[in-house]
Amino acid sequence: MKKYFSVIFIAFLIFNSANAQGLLGHKEQVFTRQDSLRGSITKERAWWDVKYYHLDVKVNPSDSTITGSNTIRYQVVQEYYRMQIDLQNPMEIYKVIQDGVTLKFKREGNAFFIEFIAPQKIGSTKELTVFYGGKPKVAVNPPWDGGITWKKDSNGNPFIASSCQGLGASVWWPNKDHMYDEVENMLISVNVPKGLTDVSNGRLQSVKQMKDGTKTYNWFVSNPINNYGVNINIGDYVTFSEKFKGEKGDLDCTYYVLRNNLDKAKKQFQDVPKMLKAFEHWFGPYPFYEDSYKLVEAPYLGMEHQSSVTYGNGFKNGYLGRDLSGTGWGLKFDYIIIHESGHEWFANNITYKDIADMWIHESFTDYSESLFLEYYYGKEAGYTYVRGIRKNIANDKPIIGNYDVNNEGSSDMYYKGANMLHTLRQIVNDDAKWRTILRGLNSTFYHQTVTTKQIEDYLSQQVGIELNPFFNQYLRDIRIPTLEYFFKDNHLGYRWTNCVPGFNMPVKVTLNGKEELLKPETEWKGIPAKTENSKLEIDKNFYVAGFNITE
């Protein structure tokens, strides 16, 4: 049996090594100019800093159209004469006005280039209004293949929502659709038919009754917000609320659900204050007290829209009633409430500049599920859960995607990313320090857009170890690092294999019943160890493989 396992395991390592080096026919992805226009900081974007949006739209369920305008206030940081505004086919920009003057513009795919007449002087603050409309892309498989979802509830009322991460906010409204520049605050005005309610981000300022029987809901967002976090949710909603006694005082929590689901929601949404208590412990204060916390029923699974988290998990624990870890612990909480709300810290507070670095959102948030369990059920519960989700890791391609082309990396950013962080916690080996590091991330990068390098550098500094090889291994390579070892002549030899050059992660092991911290490198190292009946076990909380070459 040992021989059979050895052959299989060696084959696995060879496969992984070859695959990581591109030897198994990996097809290079081809990107277009449209990808670059969408994913890079073009010259037409770089010269202006967006300060404020007033998105004013009318949503028409009868013909699945959206029409309206976006008033954009910006500060000039470089003198230039052309602005890129993004709006995806089949939506159209009808007119652009600045200072009462109609401006010319030219379309190139999903990008519109606006030509200015007035000088754009450095330091000046300017405004323009973009008028637009059309039938936005219908979401195919939201939230992954997003757009606008047009459905009806069980009573026949329209049930409508946006979801557009990856695809981009410009699928339904015109904006500077790149994550590096978050708008500082915005007003969202949504006009809907009689009998319907719109729920968007921030706080409800007013509801205006229109002469035609429709209503306009005005929501104000006082904190910086990423583009895809802006949302509309339209339905026959009923609401209830509570106050959470948090680290920064009273946090208003308001819940919007379809009329028929009120009783189920009042029971299921009890996970919200539990979530807030646990995550404020681990990550620091909820980042958007000024804008409140809302949980809104949506016609799809759910999404982390800032201060307006959407929910469609069927009022069940787990992921649509399923435990993603296979351990039983995944049924102790509602996955969508915990996971999507965790993104308020990692995605909405700390936001990637480029979607290639999406792991910053998903790895920390997937790991937050384990932390939630640990807070309420103990460390072993959280540890068991995060180890359990390893079965979902594909090791198919690097977690980090291609930069400047709006390209995300492998979905391993979820389960493998969580286990990478869990492994890092074992290296820190100090729970109080680990919690300080997590809270420090959210205070150091409060309301900021960041790069992988910034997060790597921060963690290296706080942990006190140069972690570049660690991150190269788990974020930029697909192989599972393998501790290769042998016993000979009262000696234990060990090294890392199946890894990036310079990989030197310390690892906890139990050697003949005694816990040891080994510091392997890619060259052989050794320590004294009795040879007869010697046994080495790698701490299972490290996401690594082990191979005894003497067996």
Protein backbone atom coordinates (compact mmCIF):
# COMPACT_ATOMS: atom_id res chain seq x y z
CA MET A 1 0.00 0.00 0.00
CA LYS A 2 2.84 2.40 0.84
CA LYS A 3 4.53 1.72 -2.49
CA TYR A 4 1.28 2.33 -4.35
CA PHE A 5 0.74 5.60 -2.50
CA SER A 6 4.32 6.69 -3.22
CA VAL A 7 3.90 6.15 -6.97
CA ILE A 8 0.62 8.03 -7.05
CA PHE A 9 1.98 10.86 -4.94
CA ILE A 10 5.13 11.26 -7.04
CA ALA A 11 2.97 11.33 -10.18
CA PHE A 12 0.85 14.02 -8.54
CA LEU A 13 3.92 16.13 -7.76
CA ILE A 14 5.23 15.74 -11.30
CA PHE A 15 1.85 16.75 -12.69
CA ASN A 16 1.70 19.79 -10.46
CA SER A 17 5.25 20.81 -11.26
CA ALA A 18 4.73 20.43 -14.99
CA ASN A 19 1.44 22.26 -14.88
CA ALA A 20 2.96 25.14 -12.91
CA GLN A 21 5.65 25.49 -15.57
CA GLY A 22 3.11 25.57 -18.39
CA LEU A 23 4.07 22.15 -19.75
CA LEU A 24 0.60 20.67 -20.02
CA GLY A 25 -0.77 22.70 -22.90
CA HIS A 26 -1.96 25.70 -20.90
CA LYS A 27 -3.47 28.11 -23.39
CA GLU A 28 -2.39 31.72 -23.00
CA GLN A 29 -5.36 34.04 -22.68
CA VAL A 30 -5.67 36.65 -25.42
CA PHE A 31 -6.76 40.16 -24.44
CA THR A 32 -8.16 42.92 -26.62
CA ARG A 33 -8.06 46.71 -26.67
CA GLN A 34 -11.49 46.67 -25.05
CA ASP A 35 -10.01 44.70 -22.16
CA SER A 36 -7.31 47.36 -21.80
CA LEU A 37 -9.80 50.22 -21.98
CA ARG A 38 -11.83 48.55 -19.27
CA GLY A 39 -8.95 47.37 -17.07
CA SER A 40 -6.19 49.98 -17.23
CA ILE A 41 -5.74 53.51 -15.97
CA THR A 42 -5.86 55.14 -19.38
CA LYS A 43 -4.68 58.68 -20.07
CA GLU A 44 -8.34 59.65 -20.36
CA ARG A 45 -8.93 58.42 -16.80
CA ALA A 46 -5.71 59.41 -15.04
CA TRP A 47 -6.11 63.21 -15.25
CA TRP A 48 -9.26 63.50 -13.11
CA ASP A 49 -10.24 62.37 -9.63
CA VAL A 50 -13.91 61.57 -9.16
CA LYS A 51 -15.44 63.23 -6.10
CA TYR A 52 -19.21 62.86 -6.35
CA TYR A 53 -21.91 61.19 -8.43
CA HIS A 54 -25.59 61.92 -8.56
CA LEU A 55 -27.06 58.90 -10.30
CA ASP A 56 -30.66 59.73 -11.18
CA VAL A 57 -32.50 56.90 -12.95
CA LYS A 58 -35.95 55.68 -13.87
CA VAL A 59 -36.38 51.89 -13.86
CA ASN A 60 -39.10 50.58 -16.16
CA PRO A 61 -40.09 46.94 -15.47
CA SER A 62 -42.60 46.93 -18.33
CA ASP A 63 -39.89 47.08 -21.01
CA SER A 64 -36.73 46.30 -18.97
CA THR A 65 -35.18 49.70 -19.59
CA ILE A 66 -33.24 52.17 -17.47
CA THR A 67 -33.05 55.85 -18.40
CA GLY A 68 -31.60 58.82 -16.60
CA SER A 69 -28.43 60.73 -15.93
CA ASN A 70 -25.27 60.79 -13.89
CA THR A 71 -23.86 64.11 -12.72
CA ILE A 72 -20.13 63.74 -12.16
CA ARG A 73 -18.10 66.10 -9.98
CA TYR A 74 -14.34 65.74 -10.33
CA GLN A 75 -11.07 67.44 -9.51
CA VAL A 76 -8.51 68.05 -12.23
CA VAL A 77 -5.10 66.59 -11.32
CA GLN A 78 -3.51 66.96 -14.78
CA GLU A 79 -4.47 69.25 -17.63
CA TYR A 80 -6.13 67.31 -20.43
CA TYR A 81 -9.03 67.69 -22.82
CA ARG A 82 -10.59 64.24 -23.20
CA MET A 83 -12.44 62.12 -20.62
CA GLN A 84 -13.25 58.40 -20.71
CA ILE A 85 -16.70 57.46 -19.41
CA ASP A 86 -17.71 53.81 -19.53
CA LEU A 87 -21.13 52.45 -20.49
CA GLN A 88 -21.57 49.00 -21.94
CA ASN A 89 -23.56 47.90 -24.96
CA PRO A 90 -26.44 48.00 -25.62
CA MET A 91 -26.77 51.09 -23.37
CA GLU A 92 -26.33 54.48 -25.04
CA ILE A 93 -25.19 57.94 -23.98
CA TYR A 94 -27.53 60.50 -25.50
CA LYS A 95 -26.00 63.78 -24.40
CA VAL A 96 -23.22 65.26 -22.26
CA ILE A 97 -23.45 68.78 -20.82
CA GLN A 98 -20.92 70.92 -18.97
CA ASP A 99 -21.67 74.51 -17.90
CA GLY A 100 -24.77 74.52 -20.08
CA VAL A 101 -22.79 73.53 -23.17
CA THR A 102 -23.37 70.27 -25.05
CA LEU A 103 -20.11 68.39 -25.53
CA LYS A 104 -19.10 66.12 -28.37
CA PHE A 105 -18.21 62.50 -27.66
CA LYS A 106 -17.12 59.42 -29.57
CA ARG A 107 -17.84 55.80 -28.75
CA GLU A 108 -15.29 52.99 -28.92
CA GLY A 109 -16.98 49.79 -27.82
CA ASN A 110 -17.89 50.21 -24.16
CA ALA A 111 -15.89 53.42 -23.71
CA PHE A 112 -17.06 56.94 -24.56
CA PHE A 113 -14.51 59.69 -25.08
CA ILE A 114 -15.82 63.17 -24.26
CA GLU A 115 -14.15 66.24 -25.76
CA PHE A 116 -14.03 69.35 -23.56
CA ILE A 117 -14.40 72.94 -24.66
CA ALA A 118 -13.63 74.72 -21.39
CA PRO A 119 -10.06 74.53 -20.02
CA GLN A 120 -9.53 71.81 -17.41
CA LYS A 121 -7.13 73.56 -15.05
CA ILE A 122 -5.13 71.65 -12.42
CA GLY A 123 -6.75 71.91 -9.00
CA SER A 124 -10.13 73.04 -10.30
CA THR A 125 -13.35 71.19 -9.46
CA LYS A 126 -15.72 70.67 -12.37
CA GLU A 127 -19.04 68.97 -13.11
CA LEU A 128 -20.67 67.41 -16.13
CA THR A 129 -23.93 65.51 -16.63
CA VAL A 130 -24.23 62.40 -18.77
CA PHE A 131 -27.70 61.51 -20.06
CA TYR A 132 -28.21 57.89 -21.05
CA GLY A 133 -30.59 54.96 -21.37
CA GLY A 134 -31.42 51.62 -22.91
CA LYS A 135 -31.95 47.97 -22.08
CA PRO A 136 -29.02 46.86 -19.90
CA LYS A 137 -27.59 43.37 -20.19
CA VAL A 138 -29.81 40.84 -18.48
CA ALA A 139 -27.96 38.87 -15.81
CA VAL A 140 -27.41 35.31 -17.04
CA ASN A 141 -26.15 33.70 -13.84
CA PRO A 142 -26.02 36.38 -11.14
CA PRO A 143 -23.93 37.38 -9.38
CA TRP A 144 -21.16 35.64 -11.39
CA ASP A 145 -22.44 36.52 -14.86
CA GLY A 146 -24.25 39.65 -13.86
CA GLY A 147 -26.23 42.61 -15.12
CA ILE A 148 -29.84 43.35 -14.22
CA THR A 149 -32.17 40.61 -12.98
CA TRP A 150 -35.80 41.16 -13.99
CA LYS A 151 -38.05 38.70 -12.18
CA LYS A 152 -41.42 38.59 -10.45
CA ASP A 153 -42.21 37.49 -6.92
CA SER A 154 -44.79 34.85 -6.03
CA ASN A 155 -47.50 37.52 -6.03
CA GLY A 156 -46.66 38.67 -9.55
CA ASN A 157 -44.89 41.89 -8.53
CA PRO A 158 -41.66 43.00 -10.23
CA PHE A 159 -38.52 41.86 -8.39
CA ILE A 160 -35.46 43.58 -9.84
CA ALA A 161 -31.79 43.87 -8.83
CA SER A 162 -28.34 44.74 -10.14
CA SER A 163 -25.20 42.64 -9.70
CA CYS A 164 -22.08 43.48 -11.66
CA GLN A 165 -18.73 42.66 -10.06
CA GLY A 166 -16.21 41.74 -12.73
CA LEU A 167 -18.54 42.75 -15.52
CA GLY A 168 -18.52 46.29 -14.19
CA ALA A 169 -20.96 48.93 -13.00
CA SER A 170 -20.97 50.41 -16.49
CA VAL A 171 -23.28 47.55 -17.50
CA TRP A 172 -26.14 49.72 -16.20
CA TRP A 173 -24.87 53.25 -15.45
CA PRO A 174 -22.17 55.55 -16.89
CA ASN A 175 -19.14 56.12 -14.69
CA LYS A 176 -15.38 55.92 -14.37
CA ASP A 177 -15.43 52.15 -14.29
CA HIS A 178 -12.08 51.34 -12.75
CA MET A 179 -11.60 50.34 -9.14
CA TYR A 180 -8.57 52.51 -8.40
CA ASP A 181 -10.66 55.69 -8.05
CA GLU A 182 -13.57 55.42 -5.63
CA VAL A 183 -16.12 58.20 -5.55
CA GLU A 184 -16.06 59.94 -2.16
CA ASN A 185 -19.84 60.12 -1.77
CA MET A 186 -22.91 59.91 -3.96
CA LEU A 187 -26.65 60.44 -4.23
CA ILE A 188 -28.64 57.61 -5.78
CA SER A 189 -32.13 58.59 -6.98
CA VAL A 190 -34.25 55.71 -8.28
CA ASN A 191 -37.73 56.18 -9.73
CA VAL A 192 -39.95 53.07 -9.58
CA PRO A 193 -43.60 52.23 -10.39
CA LYS A 194 -46.39 52.57 -7.88
CA GLY A 195 -46.39 49.92 -5.15
CA LEU A 196 -42.68 49.17 -5.40
CA THR A 197 -39.74 50.16 -3.19
CA ASP A 198 -36.12 50.75 -4.18
CA VAL A 199 -33.35 49.95 -1.73
CA SER A 200 -29.88 51.24 -2.59
CA ASN A 201 -26.73 52.11 -0.67
CA GLY A 202 -26.38 54.49 2.25
CA ARG A 203 -29.26 56.14 4.06
CA LEU A 204 -32.68 56.97 2.72
CA GLN A 205 -32.91 60.77 2.58
CA SER A 206 -36.39 61.11 1.11
CA VAL A 207 -39.12 59.51 -0.95
CA LYS A 208 -40.74 61.80 -3.50
CA GLN A 209 -44.24 61.08 -4.77
CA MET A 210 -44.43 61.91 -8.48
CA LYS A 211 -47.48 63.16 -10.36
CA ASP A 212 -47.60 60.02 -12.53
CA GLY A 213 -48.01 57.81 -9.46
CA THR A 214 -44.39 56.66 -9.35
CA LYS A 215 -42.02 57.28 -6.48
CA THR A 216 -38.40 58.38 -6.41
CA TYR A 217 -36.22 57.03 -3.60
CA ASN A 218 -33.20 59.19 -2.73
CA TRP A 219 -30.31 57.39 -1.03
CA PHE A 220 -27.15 59.20 0.09
CA VAL A 221 -23.81 57.42 0.54
CA SER A 222 -21.49 59.45 2.75
CA ASN A 223 -18.46 57.14 2.55
CA PRO A 224 -16.25 56.22 -0.42
CA ILE A 225 -17.83 53.39 -2.42
CA ASN A 226 -16.54 51.10 -5.15
CA ASN A 227 -18.39 51.04 -8.47
CA TYR A 228 -19.74 47.50 -8.33
CA GLY A 229 -20.92 48.10 -4.78
CA VAL A 230 -23.55 50.58 -6.05
CA ASN A 231 -26.88 48.77 -6.43
CA ILE A 232 -30.60 48.92 -7.00
CA ASN A 233 -33.05 46.47 -5.43
CA ILE A 234 -36.69 46.90 -6.39
CA GLY A 235 -39.62 44.92 -5.07
CA ASP A 236 -42.70 44.75 -2.89
CA TYR A 237 -40.60 45.05 0.24
CA VAL A 238 -41.56 45.10 3.89
CA THR A 239 -39.02 46.12 6.49
CA PHE A 240 -37.95 45.73 10.10
CA SER A 241 -34.95 47.06 12.00
CA GLU A 242 -32.82 46.94 15.13
CA LYS A 243 -29.82 48.69 16.63
CA PHE A 244 -26.53 46.90 17.18
CA LYS A 245 -24.46 48.10 20.14
CA GLY A 246 -21.08 48.19 18.44
CA GLU A 247 -17.58 49.51 18.99
CA LYS A 248 -18.52 52.91 17.55
CA GLY A 249 -21.93 53.16 19.24
CA ASP A 250 -25.36 52.31 17.87
CA LEU A 251 -25.37 50.85 14.35
CA ASP A 252 -28.69 51.02 12.52
CA CYS A 253 -29.51 47.65 10.97
CA THR A 254 -32.47 47.55 8.59
CA TYR A 255 -33.83 44.54 6.74
CA TYR A 256 -35.87 44.51 3.53
CA VAL A 257 -37.62 41.33 2.40
CA LEU A 258 -40.51 40.35 0.18
CA ARG A 259 -43.86 40.57 1.89
CA ASN A 260 -44.39 36.81 2.13
CA ASN A 261 -40.99 36.21 3.76
CA LEU A 262 -41.18 38.50 6.77
CA ASP A 263 -41.56 35.80 9.44
CA LYS A 264 -38.77 33.66 7.98
CA ALA A 265 -36.47 36.68 7.75
CA LYS A 266 -37.06 37.74 11.36
CA LYS A 267 -35.80 34.32 12.44
CA GLN A 268 -32.97 33.84 9.93
CA PHE A 269 -31.57 37.35 10.13
CA GLN A 270 -30.70 36.85 13.80
CA ASP A 271 -27.30 35.91 12.37
CA VAL A 272 -26.66 39.60 11.59
CA PRO A 273 -25.94 40.89 15.13
CA LYS A 274 -23.97 37.70 15.77
CA MET A 275 -21.92 38.40 12.64
CA LEU A 276 -21.33 42.02 13.61
CA LYS A 277 -20.19 41.07 17.10
CA ALA A 278 -17.73 38.46 15.82
CA PHE A 279 -16.34 40.54 12.98
CA GLU A 280 -15.92 43.68 15.05
CA HIS A 281 -13.89 41.50 17.44
CA TRP A 282 -11.64 40.18 14.70
CA PHE A 283 -11.51 43.06 12.19
CA GLY A 284 -12.40 46.21 14.08
CA PRO A 285 -15.46 48.46 13.90
CA TYR A 286 -17.94 48.03 11.08
CA PRO A 287 -16.54 50.48 8.49
CA PHE A 288 -19.76 52.29 7.53
CA TYR A 289 -21.64 53.35 10.67
CA GLU A 290 -22.57 56.63 8.94
CA ASP A 291 -24.32 54.72 6.12
CA SER A 292 -25.92 52.01 8.31
CA TYR A 293 -26.10 48.27 7.62
CA LYS A 294 -28.87 46.85 5.44
CA LEU A 295 -29.65 43.28 4.38
CA VAL A 296 -31.89 43.17 1.33
CA GLU A 297 -33.63 40.18 -0.24
CA ALA A 298 -32.67 39.81 -3.91
CA PRO A 299 -33.70 37.54 -6.81
CA TYR A 300 -30.28 35.83 -6.86
CA LEU A 301 -27.90 34.29 -4.31
CA GLY A 302 -26.36 37.45 -2.88
CA MET A 303 -23.62 40.08 -3.16
CA GLU A 304 -21.56 42.39 -0.94
CA HIS A 305 -23.03 45.73 -2.04
CA GLN A 306 -21.72 48.30 0.43
CA SER A 307 -24.18 49.02 3.29
CA SER A 308 -26.81 47.25 1.17
CA VAL A 309 -25.82 43.58 1.28
CA THR A 310 -28.09 41.44 -0.90
CA TYR A 311 -29.50 38.10 0.19
CA GLY A 312 -31.02 35.15 -1.66
CA ASN A 313 -30.01 32.09 0.33
CA GLY A 314 -33.54 30.81 0.85
CA PHE A 315 -33.55 31.54 4.60
CA LYS A 316 -31.43 28.45 5.18
CA ASN A 317 -28.17 27.79 6.96
CA GLY A 318 -25.16 26.78 4.91
CA TYR A 319 -24.82 27.58 1.22
CA LEU A 320 -28.38 27.04 -0.04
CA GLY A 321 -28.67 24.45 2.72
CA ARG A 322 -25.35 22.78 1.92
CA ASP A 323 -22.16 22.63 4.01
CA LEU A 324 -19.26 23.65 1.77
CA SER A 325 -16.75 22.15 4.21
CA GLY A 326 -18.37 18.73 4.58
CA THR A 327 -17.63 18.92 8.31
CA GLY A 328 -21.04 19.86 9.68
CA TRP A 329 -19.81 23.26 10.87
CA GLY A 330 -20.96 24.95 7.68
CA LEU A 331 -24.58 24.40 8.73
CA LYS A 332 -24.15 26.44 11.91
CA PHE A 333 -24.56 29.75 10.07
CA ASP A 334 -26.21 31.33 7.04
CA TYR A 335 -23.40 31.44 4.49
CA ILE A 336 -24.64 34.49 2.59
CA ILE A 337 -25.20 36.61 5.70
CA ILE A 338 -21.75 35.80 7.07
CA HIS A 339 -19.72 35.75 3.86
CA GLU A 340 -21.25 38.72 2.05
CA SER A 341 -21.27 40.83 5.21
CA GLY A 342 -17.62 39.95 5.80
CA HIS A 343 -16.94 41.81 2.58
CA GLU A 344 -17.87 45.06 4.30
CA TRP A 345 -14.36 44.86 5.77
CA PHE A 346 -12.55 43.13 2.90
CA ALA A 347 -13.91 44.49 -0.41
CA ASN A 348 -15.78 47.60 0.67
CA ASN A 349 -13.45 49.00 3.32
CA ILE A 350 -10.25 47.57 1.80
CA THR A 351 -10.76 47.41 -1.96
CA TYR A 352 -8.49 46.11 -4.72
CA LYS A 353 -7.23 48.63 -7.29
CA ASP A 354 -7.20 45.95 -9.99
CA ILE A 355 -9.47 42.90 -10.13
CA ALA A 356 -6.34 40.77 -10.67
CA ASP A 357 -5.91 41.22 -6.90
CA MET A 358 -9.42 40.01 -6.08
CA TRP A 359 -7.91 37.57 -3.56
CA ILE A 360 -7.72 40.52 -1.14
CA HIS A 361 -11.53 40.46 -1.08
CA GLU A 362 -12.23 36.75 -1.28
CA SER A 363 -9.42 35.09 0.67
CA PHE A 364 -9.92 37.17 3.80
CA THR A 365 -13.71 36.94 3.57
CA ASP A 366 -13.72 33.18 3.02
CA TYR A 367 -11.41 32.91 6.04
CA SER A 368 -13.85 35.08 8.01
CA GLU A 369 -16.32 32.18 8.00
CA SER A 370 -13.83 30.17 10.04
CA LEU A 371 -13.30 33.11 12.40
CA PHE A 372 -17.06 33.44 12.91
CA LEU A 373 -17.25 29.79 13.92
CA GLU A 374 -14.22 30.14 16.19
CA TYR A 375 -15.78 33.12 17.97
CA TYR A 376 -18.94 31.19 18.86
CA TYR A 377 -17.88 27.53 18.92
CA GLY A 378 -14.17 27.54 19.70
CA LYS A 379 -10.90 27.32 17.85
CA GLU A 380 -11.17 23.68 16.81
CA ALA A 381 -14.55 24.35 15.15
CA GLY A 382 -13.08 27.16 13.04
CA TYR A 383 -9.97 25.15 12.25
CA THR A 384 -11.96 22.08 11.23
CA TYR A 385 -14.12 24.16 8.91
CA VAL A 386 -11.26 25.88 7.09
CA ARG A 387 -9.45 22.57 6.62
CA GLY A 388 -12.68 21.06 5.34
CA ILE A 389 -13.03 23.56 2.49
CA ARG A 390 -9.69 22.38 1.07
CA LYS A 391 -11.64 19.73 -0.83
CA ASN A 392 -12.90 22.53 -3.09
CA ILE A 393 -9.41 23.70 -4.15
CA ALA A 394 -8.64 23.15 -7.84
CA ASN A 395 -5.00 24.34 -8.11
CA ASP A 396 -5.82 25.09 -11.75
CA LYS A 397 -4.18 28.47 -12.26
CA PRO A 398 -2.62 31.24 -10.14
CA ILE A 399 -4.85 33.11 -7.72
CA ILE A 400 -3.60 36.47 -9.05
CA GLY A 401 -4.89 37.35 -12.51
CA ASN A 402 -3.47 39.50 -15.32
CA TYR A 403 -3.18 43.19 -14.56
CA ASP A 404 -4.67 46.11 -16.52
CA VAL A 405 -7.15 43.97 -18.52
CA ASN A 406 -9.94 43.41 -15.96
CA ASN A 407 -8.94 39.78 -15.45
CA GLU A 408 -9.46 37.90 -12.19
CA GLY A 409 -7.42 34.87 -11.20
CA SER A 410 -8.45 31.38 -10.15
CA SER A 411 -11.51 30.78 -8.01
CA ASP A 412 -8.98 29.23 -5.62
CA MET A 413 -8.83 32.76 -4.21
CA TYR A 414 -11.69 31.55 -1.98
CA TYR A 415 -10.78 28.18 -0.48
CA LYS A 416 -7.04 28.12 -1.12
CA GLY A 417 -6.78 31.78 -0.15
CA ALA A 418 -8.50 31.07 3.16
CA ASN A 419 -6.11 28.20 3.83
CA MET A 420 -3.15 30.38 2.90
CA LEU A 421 -4.21 32.84 5.60
CA HIS A 422 -4.88 30.00 8.03
CA THR A 423 -1.34 28.75 7.33
CA LEU A 424 0.03 32.25 7.91
CA ARG A 425 -1.74 32.31 11.26
CA GLN A 426 0.15 29.16 12.27
CA ILE A 427 3.41 30.90 11.41
CA VAL A 428 2.46 33.87 13.61
CA ASN A 429 1.58 31.38 16.36
CA ASP A 430 0.11 34.09 18.57
CA ASP A 431 -3.67 34.55 18.53
CA ALA A 432 -3.61 38.01 20.10
CA LYS A 433 -1.04 39.19 17.58
CA TRP A 434 -3.00 37.65 14.71
CA ARG A 435 -6.12 39.52 15.75
CA THR A 436 -4.10 42.75 16.02
CA ILE A 437 -2.82 42.19 12.47
CA LEU A 438 -6.35 41.71 11.08
CA ARG A 439 -7.66 44.78 12.88
CA GLY A 440 -4.58 46.71 11.82
CA LEU A 441 -5.26 45.95 8.16
CA ASN A 442 -8.68 47.56 8.43
CA SER A 443 -7.39 50.65 10.23
CA THR A 444 -4.22 51.09 8.15
CA PHE A 445 -6.06 50.78 4.83
CA TYR A 446 -9.35 52.29 6.02
CA HIS A 447 -11.54 53.24 3.03
CA GLN A 448 -8.64 52.75 0.61
CA THR A 449 -7.98 50.96 -2.65
CA VAL A 450 -4.87 48.78 -2.44
CA THR A 451 -2.52 46.48 -4.33
CA THR A 452 -1.31 43.01 -3.44
CA LYS A 453 2.14 44.48 -2.75
CA GLN A 454 0.73 46.81 -0.09
CA ILE A 455 -0.96 43.91 1.69
CA GLU A 456 2.09 41.65 1.35
CA ASP A 457 4.41 44.36 2.69
CA TYR A 458 2.11 45.11 5.61
CA LEU A 459 1.84 41.45 6.59
CA SER A 460 5.60 40.91 6.26
CA GLN A 461 6.25 43.88 8.51
CA GLN A 462 3.72 42.85 11.13
CA VAL A 463 4.62 39.15 11.15
CA GLY A 464 8.31 39.99 11.20
CA ILE A 465 9.21 37.62 8.36
CA GLU A 466 9.91 38.35 4.69
CA LEU A 467 6.83 36.71 3.18
CA ASN A 468 7.54 37.27 -0.50
CA PRO A 469 8.36 33.58 -1.17
CA PHE A 470 5.27 32.56 0.82
CA PHE A 471 2.96 34.70 -1.30
CA ASN A 472 4.74 33.73 -4.51
CA GLN A 473 3.97 30.13 -3.66
CA TYR A 474 0.32 30.46 -2.76
CA LEU A 475 -0.78 33.37 -4.96
CA ARG A 476 1.38 33.02 -8.07
CA ASP A 477 1.99 29.27 -8.32
CA ILE A 478 -0.39 26.32 -8.38
CA ARG A 479 1.73 23.66 -6.69
CA ILE A 480 1.24 22.47 -3.14
CA PRO A 481 4.59 22.90 -1.35
CA THR A 482 5.85 19.53 -0.17
CA LEU A 483 7.99 18.79 2.85
CA GLU A 484 10.26 16.01 1.70
CA TYR A 485 12.08 14.22 4.54
CA PHE A 486 13.98 11.09 5.55
CA PHE A 487 15.41 9.40 8.63
CA LYS A 488 18.94 8.03 8.53
CA ASP A 489 21.74 7.47 11.04
CA ASN A 490 19.95 9.18 13.95
CA HIS A 491 19.27 12.14 11.73
CA LEU A 492 16.19 13.81 10.19
CA GLY A 493 16.81 15.39 6.81
CA TYR A 494 14.19 17.71 5.29
CA ARG A 495 13.64 20.29 2.56
CA TRP A 496 10.87 21.99 0.59
CA THR A 497 10.16 20.69 -2.90
CA ASN A 498 7.44 21.34 -5.47
CA CYS A 499 7.81 25.02 -4.67
CA VAL A 500 9.03 28.37 -5.93
CA PRO A 501 12.72 29.29 -5.65
CA GLY A 502 13.64 30.51 -2.19
CA PHE A 503 10.56 29.05 -0.49
CA ASN A 504 11.49 28.90 3.21
CA MET A 505 8.26 28.76 5.22
CA PRO A 506 8.68 27.45 8.77
CA VAL A 507 6.40 24.52 9.57
CA LYS A 508 5.23 22.88 12.79
CA VAL A 509 5.66 19.14 13.06
CA THR A 510 5.35 16.50 15.72
CA LEU A 511 8.57 14.49 15.81
CA ASN A 512 8.40 11.32 17.86
CA GLY A 513 5.59 12.79 19.95
CA LYS A 514 7.24 16.16 20.53
CA GLU A 515 6.22 19.39 18.75
CA GLU A 516 9.03 21.00 16.76
CA LEU A 517 9.26 24.06 14.52
CA LEU A 518 11.28 23.24 11.43
CA LYS A 519 12.67 25.92 9.16
CA PRO A 520 13.12 24.11 5.86
CA GLU A 521 14.55 25.64 2.71
CA THR A 522 14.89 24.20 -0.78
CA GLU A 523 18.29 22.72 0.13
CA TRP A 524 18.58 19.80 2.55
CA LYS A 525 18.79 20.64 6.23
CA GLY A 526 18.81 18.34 9.23
CA ILE A 527 18.49 17.83 12.96
CA PRO A 528 19.29 14.93 15.27
CA ALA A 529 16.53 12.30 15.51
CA LYS A 530 16.52 8.66 16.46
CA THR A 531 16.18 6.47 13.40
CA GLU A 532 14.38 3.41 14.75
CA ASN A 533 10.59 3.79 14.57
CA SER A 534 10.89 7.54 14.06
CA LYS A 535 7.70 9.29 13.09
CA LEU A 536 7.02 12.78 11.78
CA GLU A 537 3.58 14.36 11.47
CA ILE A 538 3.06 17.75 9.85
CA ASP A 539 0.64 20.07 11.62
CA LYS A 540 -2.55 19.65 9.60
CA ASN A 541 -3.30 23.37 9.83
CA PHE A 542 -0.51 24.07 7.34
CA TYR A 543 -1.70 23.79 3.74
CA VAL A 544 1.22 21.66 2.56
CA ALA A 545 1.96 18.09 1.55
CA GLY A 546 4.50 15.73 3.12
CA PHE A 547 6.54 12.88 1.67
CA ASN A 548 8.84 10.46 3.49
CA ILE A 549 11.32 9.42 0.83
CA THR A 550 12.59 6.50 2.96
CA GLU A 551 9.23 4.67 2.87
